[in-house]
Structure formats: structure tokens, C-alpha cells
Amino acid sequence: MITRKKLQTNVLLTIAIIVLLNLVAAKLFFRLDFTDDQRYSLSNATKNILKELDEPVTVKAYFSENLPPDIEKARTDFRDLLIEYNNYSDGNVVYEFINPNESQETEMEAQRAGVSPIMINVRERDQMKQQRAYLGAVVEYGDKKEIIPFIQPGAAMEFALSTSIKKLTLASKPEVGILQSFGCPDLSELQQINKQLSVLYNVKRYTYADTAKIPTKFKTFMVIAPTDSIPADFFTKLDNYLASGGRVLLALNRVEGDLTTIQGKSVNTGFENWLLEKGLNLENSFIIDANSGSVMVRQQQGMFVMNIPVKFPYLPNISTFKKHPITEGLESVVMPFVSPIKIEPKDTTINFTVLATTSDKAGTEKPPVYFNIHKKWSALDFTESKLPVAVVAEGKLSGNTESKMVLFSDGDFVVNGTGQNARELQPDNINFFVNSVDWLSDDTGLIDLRTKGVTSRPINPNIEEGTRTFLKYLNFLLPIFLVILLGIYRWKIRKRNRNKLMHTDYV
């Protein structure tokens, strides 16, 4: 029988254990992270950045309070992230949260710091209204500061915070070069990759001249979508750059399509012959893929003319990636008018790795091609599978020095354009390219963070319609079924305990 004194002793012991566990937990910080991309664990790159801090970093987080749950989660996640930064940096990362909506003074402080409000929809008393909300931060290191104007809920927070700290602590940014001759797009037409690269690199234009060699100070040299014939002298310069240990990133068009003329043709720049010497055959053909993007087609619908999306296999949606630091976290990259890459080794000192391929239902067409938008595609059109569209080459690419090269068989997948023709590219297109620069340059250590935080998990389009329907209803009904089972189980436990109590003799 439990006496009053024994009960008091047990309660005091329980309280003492809880207090002791809290004291130990405050000193020994750890977390179990079972997410696929380890989104709630700090990467080794971030830990290395934090260990190298020789001065405190101050983070002022301007977050509104009492927001809808899906947005409030961003505030909670950012606070948890800052707690980990503080722990791993031995207190060198100091943070405070400020609610700008608290007063006019704090709101003005946030805006002067560079954090602007956004308008969000909030439901209140069965009515929707708009509310000003702040979701940003300012990172300060010494007399320098970096602004994170908006922290997207569910986005890669660690990348934004770690790159801000890295940028502030860098003595000088490494340089990467980009070719601006032979019809290559100007840097102003590459707004998204330029913005991403400028965080950690100085992006320098390189214009071809007979006497100008490619500077060896470039960590990586980029060539994107040339259209003109390239003289042999340039390839000599490129070989000399590789022989000095330089790294090269190529995004080349072997074919091009024009939807205004509805025709596709070959592109000959001279790179195709240079690549053959390295063991890479950039084939003269268009890839078609059942897993593709769409084009808008005007169709008559009764009395109205409407724009209808139509699947266009010449716009492959690449979603098959080999596990590699460059492809970590990528989900989908659209590569319009892309060609297959065939690996034909000429030298055993060069190793090749295929980074990305088409789906299992693909095919090729030789130019010239007439694009029939209204064509009814069948399984007979897609008789090939897993055609490579991105390849890494490592080894003695030129001379006796080890080097690296990344080749994309599409030059337009990272080009925004200018003026009215400018377009917003999906994030993974940019991530794929910039990850390649990070891997080639090998200086940042942040390559794994850019895509940390899964944005979508689409169902494989090649799955049968019946299987898709089954998965849809399974996701909907399974949680309900499990809750019902749990309810029945708890009801049975309670009934058993009640019966046990009824038959217990307390005399």
C-alpha cells in the first residue's frame, strides 16, 4: 500500500530527475533527424564556418508574431536553427527576435535595416483580411552586415544564413570567368545565376582576343550557349587553362529549336570536335521525352479561343539524377531542345560520371525537324531510355595536370533573356548550374545547402493511372483508418481496465 510519505518521496524524486535531465540537456545538445535531406541538422560546411569565427556574429531576426500556423512555422524553425548555430559556435552567434508589429518604432527599425513587410492573408471571424508581416533578418559581423530580406517558409534557411556569414567573413571573393564572345549570352541575360554566384564569387567577363589567355586566377571558366564558329586558337587557350589546373563548365547547344518558325536545326561551333578529343560525343539530335514540359496552344472551344497547355516532348523534364554533390536535393530540371551525350573514352586517365539522364521513355530525332504541336505521340516514339544530358569528366584533360569539367548538352536552360523576352527559370535549373560551379571551384563548402529543404515530391508521371488513383486514395484514407484503429484500441483498453476495477475486492 502506498503511504503519504512514500508518495511525497516519489514526487520529489521525479522532480529532481526532471531538473537534472534539463541541466544535462542544456550542456549536451543533440538532435535526432530522420528527414530524407537532413534538413534539421547542421551540415559539416556550416560547422566549419562557425568554428572559424574569430568575432561574434549578431543576428537580428525581424519576425511578426501571431501569424497563421504555416507561416509561424518559419519563425519557429529559424529560432531552432539559431539555437544550433549558437551551440556549435560556442556562443559566437548571438541572436535576438524583434516583433516589428509591436510599435511604430520597431517597424521603422526593421525597414531601416532592410527588412520590408509582405502582405499575407489571415482568416479572422470567418473573414479574410490582409496583414503586414515581417519575415527577415540582418546578420552583422564587425562593421559589416548582410540582409536576408525574406525567409521563405520551407526554404533552405541554413543556406541563406550560412552564406551570409561566409560572405561577411571572407577576406576576398574568388573569381570565376564567363565567356562573352562567339554569340554567348551577355551576363545581363543570366540574371538568376549571376545573382546566386555573386554571393560568394566575383563573376568576371572574358572576351576573346588573339593575345589574351584565359586567366589562371579563375577558379572556374564558364561557357554558355555560343552560336558562332569558334577559332582553333581559342581551344588552344582552353587546353592551356585546363593544363594549369583550371576547371571548365560548358553548357552547349548542339541543336536549337525555334517555336516561331516551328523548326529545329543543328548548331556547329567547333566545340563538338574539341569534346570528341576528350571522349565526349555531343550528338547532333533532339531528345524527345514522355516526361516533358508543355507549350500553350490556341484552340477553338465553342465560341471562344483559349490557350491550352499541350505536352511537348522536345522540352524534357529531367528528374533522374545520379547521387553526387552537384545533384544533391535536385528534383526537376527543364532542358529545352537538349541533345544526348555519348561517352567514348579516348584516354584511360579520364573518368566520366553521368549526372543526369532522361526518363525511361525517351527517343531522338535528327535535324532538321518540323515541330508538329498537334502530333499524337505513342509508345513507339519513345524507344530509348536514360539518355545522358549532363556529364562530369575528371582527370588529365589536357597536359599532365589533374582537372575537372562539367558538360551540359543544353545551353538555354539557365538563360533568362532580356526585355520582354526575359523569363523566370525554375529554381532547380539554377541550382544545377550553380552547384556545378561550387563543386568545380571547391572553395565554399556550401554546395549541399543550396537545395536543402524539399520543395515538392511529384508522383512519377510514368506510373499507371490506376496506381496513381490508388496512391491518392491511400494517402487520403489511411490516416483516417489508423485513427479509427487507435480509437478502437483505446476503447478496448479502457473497457478492460474498467472491468478489472469492477471485479477488484478492496476489503
Protein backbone atom coordinates (compact mmCIF):
# COMPACT_ATOMS: atom_id res chain seq x y z
CA MET A 1 0.00 0.00 0.00
CA ILE A 2 1.35 3.47 -0.95
CA THR A 3 1.66 5.73 2.10
CA ARG A 4 1.54 9.53 2.01
CA LYS A 5 5.24 9.77 2.88
CA LYS A 6 6.19 7.36 0.09
CA LEU A 7 4.08 9.29 -2.40
CA GLN A 8 5.79 12.56 -1.42
CA THR A 9 9.21 10.91 -1.79
CA ASN A 10 8.33 9.63 -5.29
CA VAL A 11 7.09 13.08 -6.37
CA LEU A 12 10.27 14.78 -5.09
CA LEU A 13 12.47 12.18 -6.82
CA THR A 14 10.58 12.68 -10.10
CA ILE A 15 11.01 16.48 -9.89
CA ALA A 16 14.73 16.07 -9.09
CA ILE A 17 15.23 13.75 -12.10
CA ILE A 18 13.43 16.20 -14.43
CA VAL A 19 15.56 19.12 -13.18
CA LEU A 20 18.75 17.04 -13.56
CA LEU A 21 17.82 15.99 -17.10
CA ASN A 22 17.17 19.64 -18.03
CA LEU A 23 20.58 20.67 -16.66
CA VAL A 24 22.31 17.89 -18.61
CA ALA A 25 20.33 18.70 -21.78
CA ALA A 26 21.42 22.34 -21.54
CA LYS A 27 25.07 21.21 -21.65
CA LEU A 28 24.77 18.25 -24.03
CA PHE A 29 22.85 19.36 -27.12
CA PHE A 30 21.86 16.77 -29.70
CA ARG A 31 19.03 16.08 -32.13
CA LEU A 32 17.78 13.03 -33.97
CA ASP A 33 16.93 13.91 -37.57
CA PHE A 34 15.09 11.29 -39.65
CA THR A 35 14.27 13.55 -42.63
CA ASP A 36 15.46 12.40 -46.06
CA ASP A 37 17.61 15.51 -46.66
CA GLN A 38 18.67 16.03 -43.00
CA ARG A 39 17.04 19.44 -43.10
CA TYR A 40 17.06 19.80 -39.30
CA SER A 41 20.78 19.02 -38.89
CA LEU A 42 23.65 21.41 -39.49
CA SER A 43 25.96 20.41 -42.33
CA ASN A 44 29.70 19.98 -41.95
CA ALA A 45 30.16 23.12 -44.10
CA THR A 46 28.19 25.22 -41.62
CA LYS A 47 30.04 23.72 -38.65
CA ASN A 48 33.37 24.57 -40.29
CA ILE A 49 32.22 28.16 -40.89
CA LEU A 50 31.16 28.51 -37.26
CA LYS A 51 34.44 27.06 -35.94
CA GLU A 52 36.42 29.66 -37.92
CA LEU A 53 34.62 32.64 -36.37
CA ASP A 54 37.06 34.88 -34.52
CA GLU A 55 34.48 37.55 -33.71
CA PRO A 56 30.84 37.31 -32.60
CA VAL A 57 28.13 37.31 -35.27
CA THR A 58 24.88 39.04 -34.35
CA VAL A 59 21.63 38.01 -35.97
CA LYS A 60 18.63 40.31 -35.57
CA ALA A 61 15.54 38.39 -36.65
CA TYR A 62 12.58 40.61 -37.52
CA PHE A 63 9.58 38.30 -37.30
CA SER A 64 5.97 39.20 -36.71
CA GLU A 65 4.03 37.25 -34.11
CA ASN A 66 0.56 35.64 -34.09
CA LEU A 67 0.79 34.60 -37.74
CA PRO A 68 -1.08 31.70 -39.41
CA PRO A 69 0.40 28.30 -38.40
CA ASP A 70 2.04 27.58 -41.78
CA ILE A 71 3.89 30.91 -41.66
CA GLU A 72 4.53 30.86 -37.91
CA LYS A 73 6.45 27.63 -38.52
CA ALA A 74 9.12 29.64 -40.36
CA ARG A 75 9.69 31.68 -37.20
CA THR A 76 9.94 28.54 -35.05
CA ASP A 77 12.29 26.79 -37.50
CA PHE A 78 14.54 29.86 -37.73
CA ARG A 79 14.72 30.13 -33.94
CA ASP A 80 15.65 26.42 -33.68
CA LEU A 81 18.32 26.94 -36.34
CA LEU A 82 19.81 29.89 -34.45
CA ILE A 83 19.92 27.86 -31.23
CA GLU A 84 22.02 25.24 -33.05
CA TYR A 85 24.29 27.95 -34.53
CA ASN A 86 24.79 29.35 -31.03
CA ASN A 87 25.65 25.92 -29.61
CA TYR A 88 28.07 24.88 -32.36
CA SER A 89 29.82 28.28 -32.38
CA ASP A 90 30.43 28.24 -28.61
CA GLY A 91 28.29 31.33 -28.24
CA ASN A 92 29.83 33.26 -31.16
CA VAL A 93 26.44 33.51 -32.88
CA VAL A 94 24.25 35.84 -30.83
CA TYR A 95 20.63 36.42 -31.81
CA GLU A 96 17.54 38.33 -30.82
CA PHE A 97 13.98 38.27 -32.12
CA ILE A 98 12.18 41.56 -32.66
CA ASN A 99 8.46 41.89 -33.38
CA PRO A 100 8.19 44.85 -35.79
CA ASN A 101 4.40 44.96 -35.38
CA GLU A 102 4.79 45.76 -31.69
CA SER A 103 5.22 49.50 -32.24
CA GLN A 104 5.88 52.09 -34.89
CA GLU A 105 9.49 52.43 -33.66
CA THR A 106 10.28 48.72 -34.12
CA GLU A 107 8.62 48.72 -37.54
CA MET A 108 10.73 51.67 -38.65
CA GLU A 109 13.81 49.90 -37.27
CA ALA A 110 13.09 46.81 -39.38
CA GLN A 111 12.59 48.84 -42.54
CA ARG A 112 15.74 50.92 -41.95
CA ALA A 113 17.64 47.62 -41.51
CA GLY A 114 16.44 46.49 -44.96
CA VAL A 115 13.62 44.11 -44.00
CA SER A 116 10.38 45.09 -45.73
CA PRO A 117 6.89 43.81 -44.87
CA ILE A 118 4.93 41.38 -47.01
CA MET A 119 1.16 41.12 -47.20
CA ILE A 120 -0.37 37.81 -46.09
CA ASN A 121 -3.96 36.61 -45.95
CA VAL A 122 -5.31 35.95 -42.45
CA ARG A 123 -8.70 34.46 -41.58
CA GLU A 124 -10.42 36.19 -38.69
CA ARG A 125 -14.01 35.54 -37.63
CA ASP A 126 -14.82 33.77 -40.91
CA GLN A 127 -13.44 36.69 -42.91
CA MET A 128 -10.24 37.01 -44.92
CA LYS A 129 -8.13 40.09 -44.34
CA GLN A 130 -4.63 41.17 -45.28
CA GLN A 131 -1.95 41.69 -42.66
CA ARG A 132 1.53 43.19 -42.82
CA ALA A 133 4.08 40.62 -41.77
CA TYR A 134 7.85 40.65 -41.37
CA LEU A 135 9.96 37.54 -42.04
CA GLY A 136 13.55 38.66 -42.38
CA ALA A 137 16.87 39.01 -40.60
CA VAL A 138 20.04 41.11 -40.52
CA VAL A 139 23.42 39.42 -39.95
CA GLU A 140 26.18 41.63 -38.53
CA TYR A 141 29.91 40.86 -38.26
CA GLY A 142 32.18 43.65 -37.09
CA ASP A 143 31.25 46.74 -39.08
CA LYS A 144 29.76 44.71 -41.95
CA LYS A 145 26.21 43.46 -42.34
CA GLU A 146 24.20 41.24 -44.68
CA ILE A 147 20.43 41.37 -45.12
CA ILE A 148 18.11 38.39 -45.53
CA PRO A 149 15.00 40.37 -46.55
CA PHE A 150 12.60 37.45 -46.66
CA ILE A 151 12.85 33.96 -45.20
CA GLN A 152 10.55 31.74 -47.25
CA PRO A 153 8.67 29.18 -45.13
CA GLY A 154 10.01 25.72 -46.00
CA ALA A 155 13.01 27.12 -47.90
CA ALA A 156 16.71 26.43 -47.35
CA MET A 157 17.20 28.61 -44.25
CA GLU A 158 20.62 27.16 -43.44
CA PHE A 159 21.93 28.08 -46.88
CA ALA A 160 20.72 31.69 -46.54
CA LEU A 161 22.19 32.09 -43.06
CA SER A 162 25.48 30.25 -43.66
CA THR A 163 26.18 32.04 -46.95
CA SER A 164 25.51 35.39 -45.27
CA ILE A 165 28.02 34.56 -42.51
CA LYS A 166 30.52 33.19 -45.05
CA LYS A 167 30.17 36.28 -47.22
CA LEU A 168 30.80 38.58 -44.24
CA THR A 169 33.86 36.64 -43.05
CA LEU A 170 35.53 36.23 -46.45
CA ALA A 171 38.64 38.38 -46.83
CA SER A 172 38.16 38.37 -50.63
CA LYS A 173 35.89 36.52 -53.03
CA PRO A 174 37.39 34.03 -55.51
CA GLU A 175 36.92 34.86 -59.20
CA VAL A 176 35.07 32.83 -61.82
CA GLY A 177 35.15 33.73 -65.51
CA ILE A 178 32.43 33.66 -68.16
CA LEU A 179 32.94 33.80 -71.92
CA GLN A 180 31.33 36.84 -73.57
CA SER A 181 32.28 36.18 -77.21
CA PHE A 182 31.10 33.96 -80.09
CA GLY A 183 27.40 34.76 -79.56
CA CYS A 184 27.31 33.71 -75.89
CA PRO A 185 24.56 35.47 -73.89
CA ASP A 186 25.66 38.57 -72.02
CA LEU A 187 25.89 38.36 -68.25
CA SER A 188 22.83 40.64 -68.11
CA GLU A 189 20.83 37.82 -69.73
CA LEU A 190 21.79 35.43 -66.92
CA GLN A 191 20.22 37.33 -64.03
CA GLN A 192 19.42 34.36 -61.80
CA ILE A 193 22.76 32.55 -61.96
CA ASN A 194 24.62 35.86 -61.72
CA LYS A 195 22.68 36.72 -58.56
CA GLN A 196 23.40 33.31 -57.00
CA LEU A 197 27.08 33.26 -57.97
CA SER A 198 27.68 36.84 -56.81
CA VAL A 199 27.05 35.79 -53.21
CA LEU A 200 30.41 34.01 -52.95
CA TYR A 201 32.26 34.82 -56.20
CA ASN A 202 33.33 37.75 -58.31
CA VAL A 203 31.96 36.91 -61.76
CA LYS A 204 34.33 38.31 -64.41
CA ARG A 205 33.62 38.69 -68.13
CA TYR A 206 36.19 37.22 -70.51
CA THR A 207 36.22 38.47 -74.11
CA TYR A 208 38.25 36.54 -76.66
CA ALA A 209 41.27 38.20 -78.20
CA ASP A 210 44.18 36.67 -80.13
CA THR A 211 46.67 37.55 -77.41
CA ALA A 212 44.54 37.23 -74.27
CA LYS A 213 44.91 33.89 -72.49
CA ILE A 214 42.27 32.64 -70.08
CA PRO A 215 43.45 33.90 -66.65
CA THR A 216 44.56 31.09 -64.35
CA LYS A 217 43.17 33.08 -61.39
CA PHE A 218 39.67 31.98 -62.47
CA LYS A 219 38.58 29.14 -60.19
CA THR A 220 36.15 28.05 -62.91
CA PHE A 221 35.69 29.16 -66.51
CA MET A 222 32.12 29.05 -67.87
CA VAL A 223 30.96 28.82 -71.49
CA ILE A 224 27.21 29.12 -72.06
CA ALA A 225 25.38 28.68 -75.39
CA PRO A 226 27.82 30.01 -78.04
CA THR A 227 26.26 30.31 -81.50
CA ASP A 228 29.18 31.35 -83.74
CA SER A 229 32.04 29.28 -85.13
CA ILE A 230 34.97 29.33 -82.72
CA PRO A 231 38.58 29.61 -83.99
CA ALA A 232 41.10 26.88 -83.18
CA ASP A 233 43.20 29.38 -81.22
CA PHE A 234 40.50 29.61 -78.54
CA PHE A 235 40.57 25.86 -77.95
CA THR A 236 44.35 26.07 -77.54
CA LYS A 237 43.80 28.68 -74.82
CA LEU A 238 41.18 26.46 -73.21
CA ASP A 239 43.57 23.48 -73.24
CA ASN A 240 46.31 25.63 -71.68
CA TYR A 241 43.88 26.75 -68.96
CA LEU A 242 42.99 23.11 -68.19
CA ALA A 243 46.68 22.16 -68.22
CA SER A 244 47.26 24.76 -65.49
CA GLY A 245 44.66 23.01 -63.29
CA GLY A 246 41.71 25.18 -64.29
CA ARG A 247 38.12 23.92 -64.13
CA VAL A 248 35.64 24.27 -67.00
CA LEU A 249 31.84 24.33 -67.10
CA LEU A 250 30.21 24.00 -70.52
CA ALA A 251 26.51 24.43 -71.33
CA LEU A 252 26.30 23.92 -75.11
CA ASN A 253 23.60 23.70 -77.74
CA ARG A 254 24.22 21.07 -80.41
CA VAL A 255 20.73 21.72 -81.78
CA GLU A 256 18.31 24.62 -81.45
CA GLY A 257 14.55 24.94 -81.82
CA ASP A 258 12.51 27.96 -82.84
CA LEU A 259 8.82 27.84 -81.93
CA THR A 260 8.04 30.91 -84.06
CA THR A 261 9.10 29.08 -87.23
CA ILE A 262 8.27 25.65 -85.71
CA GLN A 263 11.61 24.28 -86.91
CA GLY A 264 14.74 22.80 -85.37
CA LYS A 265 18.27 22.74 -86.78
CA SER A 266 21.87 21.84 -85.96
CA VAL A 267 24.37 24.14 -84.23
CA ASN A 268 28.06 23.89 -85.16
CA THR A 269 30.56 25.89 -83.13
CA GLY A 270 33.66 23.66 -83.11
CA PHE A 271 33.13 22.54 -79.51
CA GLU A 272 31.74 19.23 -80.76
CA ASN A 273 35.13 18.32 -82.30
CA TRP A 274 37.09 19.53 -79.26
CA LEU A 275 34.90 17.42 -76.95
CA LEU A 276 35.41 14.31 -79.11
CA GLU A 277 39.12 14.54 -78.34
CA LYS A 278 38.24 14.40 -74.64
CA GLY A 279 35.97 11.36 -75.08
CA LEU A 280 32.58 13.11 -75.15
CA ASN A 281 30.31 12.94 -78.20
CA LEU A 282 27.73 15.73 -78.16
CA GLU A 283 25.29 14.10 -80.58
CA ASN A 284 23.59 16.00 -83.37
CA SER A 285 19.99 15.13 -82.46
CA PHE A 286 16.99 16.31 -80.49
CA ILE A 287 15.92 14.36 -77.41
CA ILE A 288 12.21 13.67 -77.05
CA ASP A 289 10.86 12.52 -73.70
CA ALA A 290 7.43 11.39 -72.50
CA ASN A 291 8.20 13.22 -69.24
CA SER A 292 8.19 16.73 -70.65
CA GLY A 293 7.01 20.29 -70.25
CA SER A 294 4.11 21.87 -72.14
CA VAL A 295 3.58 24.69 -74.61
CA MET A 296 0.49 26.87 -74.82
CA VAL A 297 -1.56 26.33 -77.98
CA ARG A 298 -4.53 28.46 -79.07
CA GLN A 299 -7.57 26.26 -79.68
CA GLN A 300 -11.18 26.96 -80.55
CA GLN A 301 -13.55 26.00 -77.72
CA GLY A 302 -17.08 26.69 -78.94
CA MET A 303 -17.36 30.43 -79.44
CA PHE A 304 -14.09 31.15 -77.63
CA VAL A 305 -10.40 30.84 -78.46
CA MET A 306 -8.41 29.60 -75.44
CA ASN A 307 -4.77 28.85 -74.65
CA ILE A 308 -4.47 25.14 -73.86
CA PRO A 309 -1.29 23.53 -72.44
CA VAL A 310 -0.07 20.72 -74.72
CA LYS A 311 2.69 18.25 -73.84
CA PHE A 312 5.79 18.97 -75.94
CA PRO A 313 8.37 16.14 -75.77
CA TYR A 314 11.15 18.44 -77.02
CA LEU A 315 11.13 20.06 -73.56
CA PRO A 316 12.33 17.14 -71.38
CA ASN A 317 11.67 17.36 -67.67
CA ILE A 318 14.84 15.82 -66.22
CA SER A 319 14.21 14.12 -62.87
CA THR A 320 16.69 11.21 -62.89
CA PHE A 321 19.93 12.19 -61.16
CA LYS A 322 22.97 10.22 -60.02
CA LYS A 323 23.91 10.68 -56.36
CA HIS A 324 26.62 13.35 -56.47
CA PRO A 325 27.33 16.62 -54.60
CA ILE A 326 26.18 18.56 -57.70
CA THR A 327 22.79 16.84 -57.86
CA GLU A 328 22.07 16.58 -54.12
CA GLY A 329 18.49 17.70 -53.45
CA LEU A 330 17.55 18.34 -57.09
CA GLU A 331 14.09 17.22 -58.16
CA SER A 332 13.28 18.55 -61.61
CA VAL A 333 15.19 20.46 -64.31
CA VAL A 334 13.63 21.52 -67.63
CA MET A 335 16.14 21.35 -70.51
CA PRO A 336 14.59 22.61 -73.77
CA PHE A 337 15.92 21.21 -77.06
CA VAL A 338 18.61 19.14 -75.41
CA SER A 339 20.91 16.58 -77.07
CA PRO A 340 22.21 13.23 -75.80
CA ILE A 341 25.82 12.89 -74.68
CA LYS A 342 27.65 9.69 -75.61
CA ILE A 343 30.77 8.78 -73.66
CA GLU A 344 33.52 7.48 -75.99
CA PRO A 345 36.73 7.30 -73.88
CA LYS A 346 39.98 8.12 -75.68
CA ASP A 347 42.22 8.15 -72.60
CA THR A 348 42.18 5.89 -69.54
CA THR A 349 43.37 8.78 -67.34
CA ILE A 350 39.96 10.48 -67.69
CA ASN A 351 36.98 9.30 -65.62
CA PHE A 352 33.40 10.08 -66.55
CA THR A 353 30.30 10.35 -64.36
CA VAL A 354 26.79 10.77 -65.77
CA LEU A 355 24.98 13.33 -63.59
CA ALA A 356 21.52 13.35 -65.18
CA THR A 357 19.54 11.36 -67.72
CA THR A 358 16.16 11.37 -69.40
CA SER A 359 13.31 9.12 -68.25
CA ASP A 360 12.84 5.51 -69.34
CA LYS A 361 10.58 6.66 -72.18
CA ALA A 362 12.73 8.78 -74.49
CA GLY A 363 13.92 8.95 -78.06
CA THR A 364 15.89 11.06 -80.54
CA GLU A 365 15.21 12.88 -83.82
CA LYS A 366 17.83 14.08 -86.29
CA PRO A 367 17.65 17.70 -87.53
CA PRO A 368 16.23 19.37 -89.46
CA VAL A 369 12.96 18.87 -87.57
CA TYR A 370 9.49 20.28 -88.13
CA PHE A 371 7.67 20.59 -84.79
CA ASN A 372 4.14 19.26 -85.09
CA ILE A 373 2.46 20.69 -81.98
CA HIS A 374 -0.70 18.64 -82.56
CA LYS A 375 1.08 15.30 -83.07
CA LYS A 376 -0.38 12.34 -81.15
CA TRP A 377 2.63 10.71 -79.52
CA SER A 378 2.70 6.98 -78.81
CA ALA A 379 4.96 4.47 -77.05
CA LEU A 380 6.61 3.71 -80.43
CA ASP A 381 8.12 7.23 -80.41
CA PHE A 382 9.94 6.61 -77.12
CA THR A 383 12.10 3.54 -77.66
CA GLU A 384 15.22 4.70 -75.77
CA SER A 385 15.85 5.26 -72.09
CA LYS A 386 18.13 7.16 -69.73
CA LEU A 387 19.95 9.27 -72.31
CA PRO A 388 22.73 11.32 -70.60
CA VAL A 389 22.30 15.12 -70.64
CA ALA A 390 24.93 16.14 -68.05
CA VAL A 391 28.37 14.56 -67.54
CA VAL A 392 31.42 15.15 -65.33
CA ALA A 393 34.93 14.46 -66.70
CA GLU A 394 37.84 14.22 -64.25
CA GLY A 395 41.49 13.52 -64.88
CA LYS A 396 44.24 14.71 -67.20
CA LEU A 397 42.01 16.58 -69.64
CA SER A 398 44.99 18.50 -71.01
CA GLY A 399 48.66 18.04 -70.22
CA ASN A 400 49.71 16.16 -67.08
CA THR A 401 47.68 18.14 -64.55
CA GLU A 402 44.51 16.81 -62.94
CA SER A 403 41.45 18.88 -63.78
CA LYS A 404 37.65 18.74 -63.92
CA MET A 405 34.94 19.60 -66.42
CA VAL A 406 31.14 19.58 -66.31
CA LEU A 407 29.21 19.39 -69.59
CA PHE A 408 25.50 20.17 -70.08
CA SER A 409 24.07 19.34 -73.51
CA ASP A 410 21.75 22.36 -73.39
CA GLY A 411 22.85 25.96 -73.19
CA ASP A 412 19.47 27.62 -72.81
CA PHE A 413 18.26 26.07 -69.56
CA VAL A 414 19.90 28.86 -67.49
CA VAL A 415 19.35 31.82 -69.86
CA ASN A 416 16.73 34.36 -68.71
CA GLY A 417 16.97 36.69 -71.70
CA THR A 418 16.32 40.42 -71.66
CA GLY A 419 13.42 42.84 -72.04
CA GLN A 420 10.04 41.37 -72.86
CA ASN A 421 11.65 38.03 -73.71
CA ALA A 422 13.09 37.61 -70.19
CA ARG A 423 11.68 34.61 -68.30
CA GLU A 424 11.82 33.34 -64.74
CA LEU A 425 13.53 29.95 -64.56
CA GLN A 426 12.59 27.30 -62.03
CA PRO A 427 14.95 27.11 -59.03
CA ASP A 428 16.41 23.67 -59.79
CA ASN A 429 17.66 24.86 -63.19
CA ILE A 430 19.72 27.48 -61.38
CA ASN A 431 20.70 25.13 -58.56
CA PHE A 432 22.02 22.53 -61.02
CA PHE A 433 24.29 25.07 -62.69
CA VAL A 434 25.48 26.91 -59.57
CA ASN A 435 26.07 23.63 -57.70
CA SER A 436 28.40 22.69 -60.57
CA VAL A 437 30.36 25.94 -60.15
CA ASP A 438 30.61 25.32 -56.39
CA TRP A 439 31.82 21.76 -56.92
CA LEU A 440 34.37 22.78 -59.56
CA SER A 441 35.63 25.75 -57.57
CA ASP A 442 35.75 23.67 -54.38
CA ASP A 443 36.08 26.68 -52.08
CA THR A 444 32.71 27.34 -50.47
CA GLY A 445 31.79 24.01 -48.86
CA LEU A 446 28.14 25.10 -49.09
CA ILE A 447 27.14 23.09 -52.13
CA ASP A 448 24.93 20.69 -50.15
CA LEU A 449 22.89 23.51 -48.60
CA ARG A 450 21.54 25.25 -51.70
CA THR A 451 18.86 22.61 -52.24
CA LYS A 452 18.34 21.65 -48.60
CA GLY A 453 14.61 21.70 -47.93
CA VAL A 454 12.47 19.62 -50.30
CA THR A 455 10.00 21.73 -52.27
CA SER A 456 7.92 19.08 -53.99
CA ARG A 457 7.61 15.34 -54.42
CA PRO A 458 5.60 14.83 -57.61
CA ILE A 459 4.25 11.39 -58.46
CA ASN A 460 6.23 9.76 -61.26
CA PRO A 461 4.31 10.57 -64.47
CA ASN A 462 5.13 7.12 -65.86
CA ILE A 463 3.03 5.38 -63.16
CA GLU A 464 -0.16 3.77 -64.45
CA GLU A 465 -3.38 5.74 -63.97
CA GLY A 466 -4.85 3.01 -61.73
CA THR A 467 -1.77 3.11 -59.47
CA ARG A 468 -1.93 6.90 -59.26
CA THR A 469 -5.60 6.72 -58.19
CA PHE A 470 -4.79 4.03 -55.60
CA LEU A 471 -1.95 6.15 -54.12
CA LYS A 472 -4.17 9.22 -54.00
CA TYR A 473 -6.95 7.48 -52.05
CA LEU A 474 -4.43 5.61 -49.88
CA ASN A 475 -2.91 8.92 -48.75
CA PHE A 476 -6.39 10.24 -48.00
CA LEU A 477 -7.95 7.21 -46.30
CA LEU A 478 -5.00 5.57 -44.49
CA PRO A 479 -4.65 8.27 -41.76
CA ILE A 480 -8.41 8.12 -41.10
CA PHE A 481 -8.29 4.32 -40.86
CA LEU A 482 -5.33 4.46 -38.45
CA VAL A 483 -7.12 6.98 -36.23
CA ILE A 484 -10.20 4.70 -36.10
CA LEU A 485 -8.00 1.70 -35.20
CA LEU A 486 -6.32 3.74 -32.46
CA GLY A 487 -9.74 4.73 -31.11
CA ILE A 488 -10.93 1.10 -31.05
CA TYR A 489 -7.70 0.03 -29.31
CA ARG A 490 -8.02 2.71 -26.63
CA TRP A 491 -11.70 1.85 -26.11
CA LYS A 492 -10.81 -1.81 -25.58
CA ILE A 493 -8.03 -0.92 -23.11
CA ARG A 494 -10.37 1.32 -21.12
CA LYS A 495 -13.11 -1.32 -21.13
CA ARG A 496 -10.67 -3.94 -19.88
CA ASN A 497 -9.42 -1.64 -17.10
CA ARG A 498 -13.00 -0.76 -16.11
CA ASN A 499 -13.94 -4.45 -15.87
CA LYS A 500 -10.81 -5.12 -13.85
CA LEU A 501 -11.73 -2.37 -11.39
CA MET A 502 -15.30 -3.64 -11.10
CA HIS A 503 -14.09 -7.08 -10.05
CA THR A 504 -11.42 -5.88 -7.61
CA ASP A 505 -12.15 -6.55 -3.92
CA TYR A 506 -10.99 -3.55 -1.84
CA VAL A 507 -11.95 -5.06 1.54
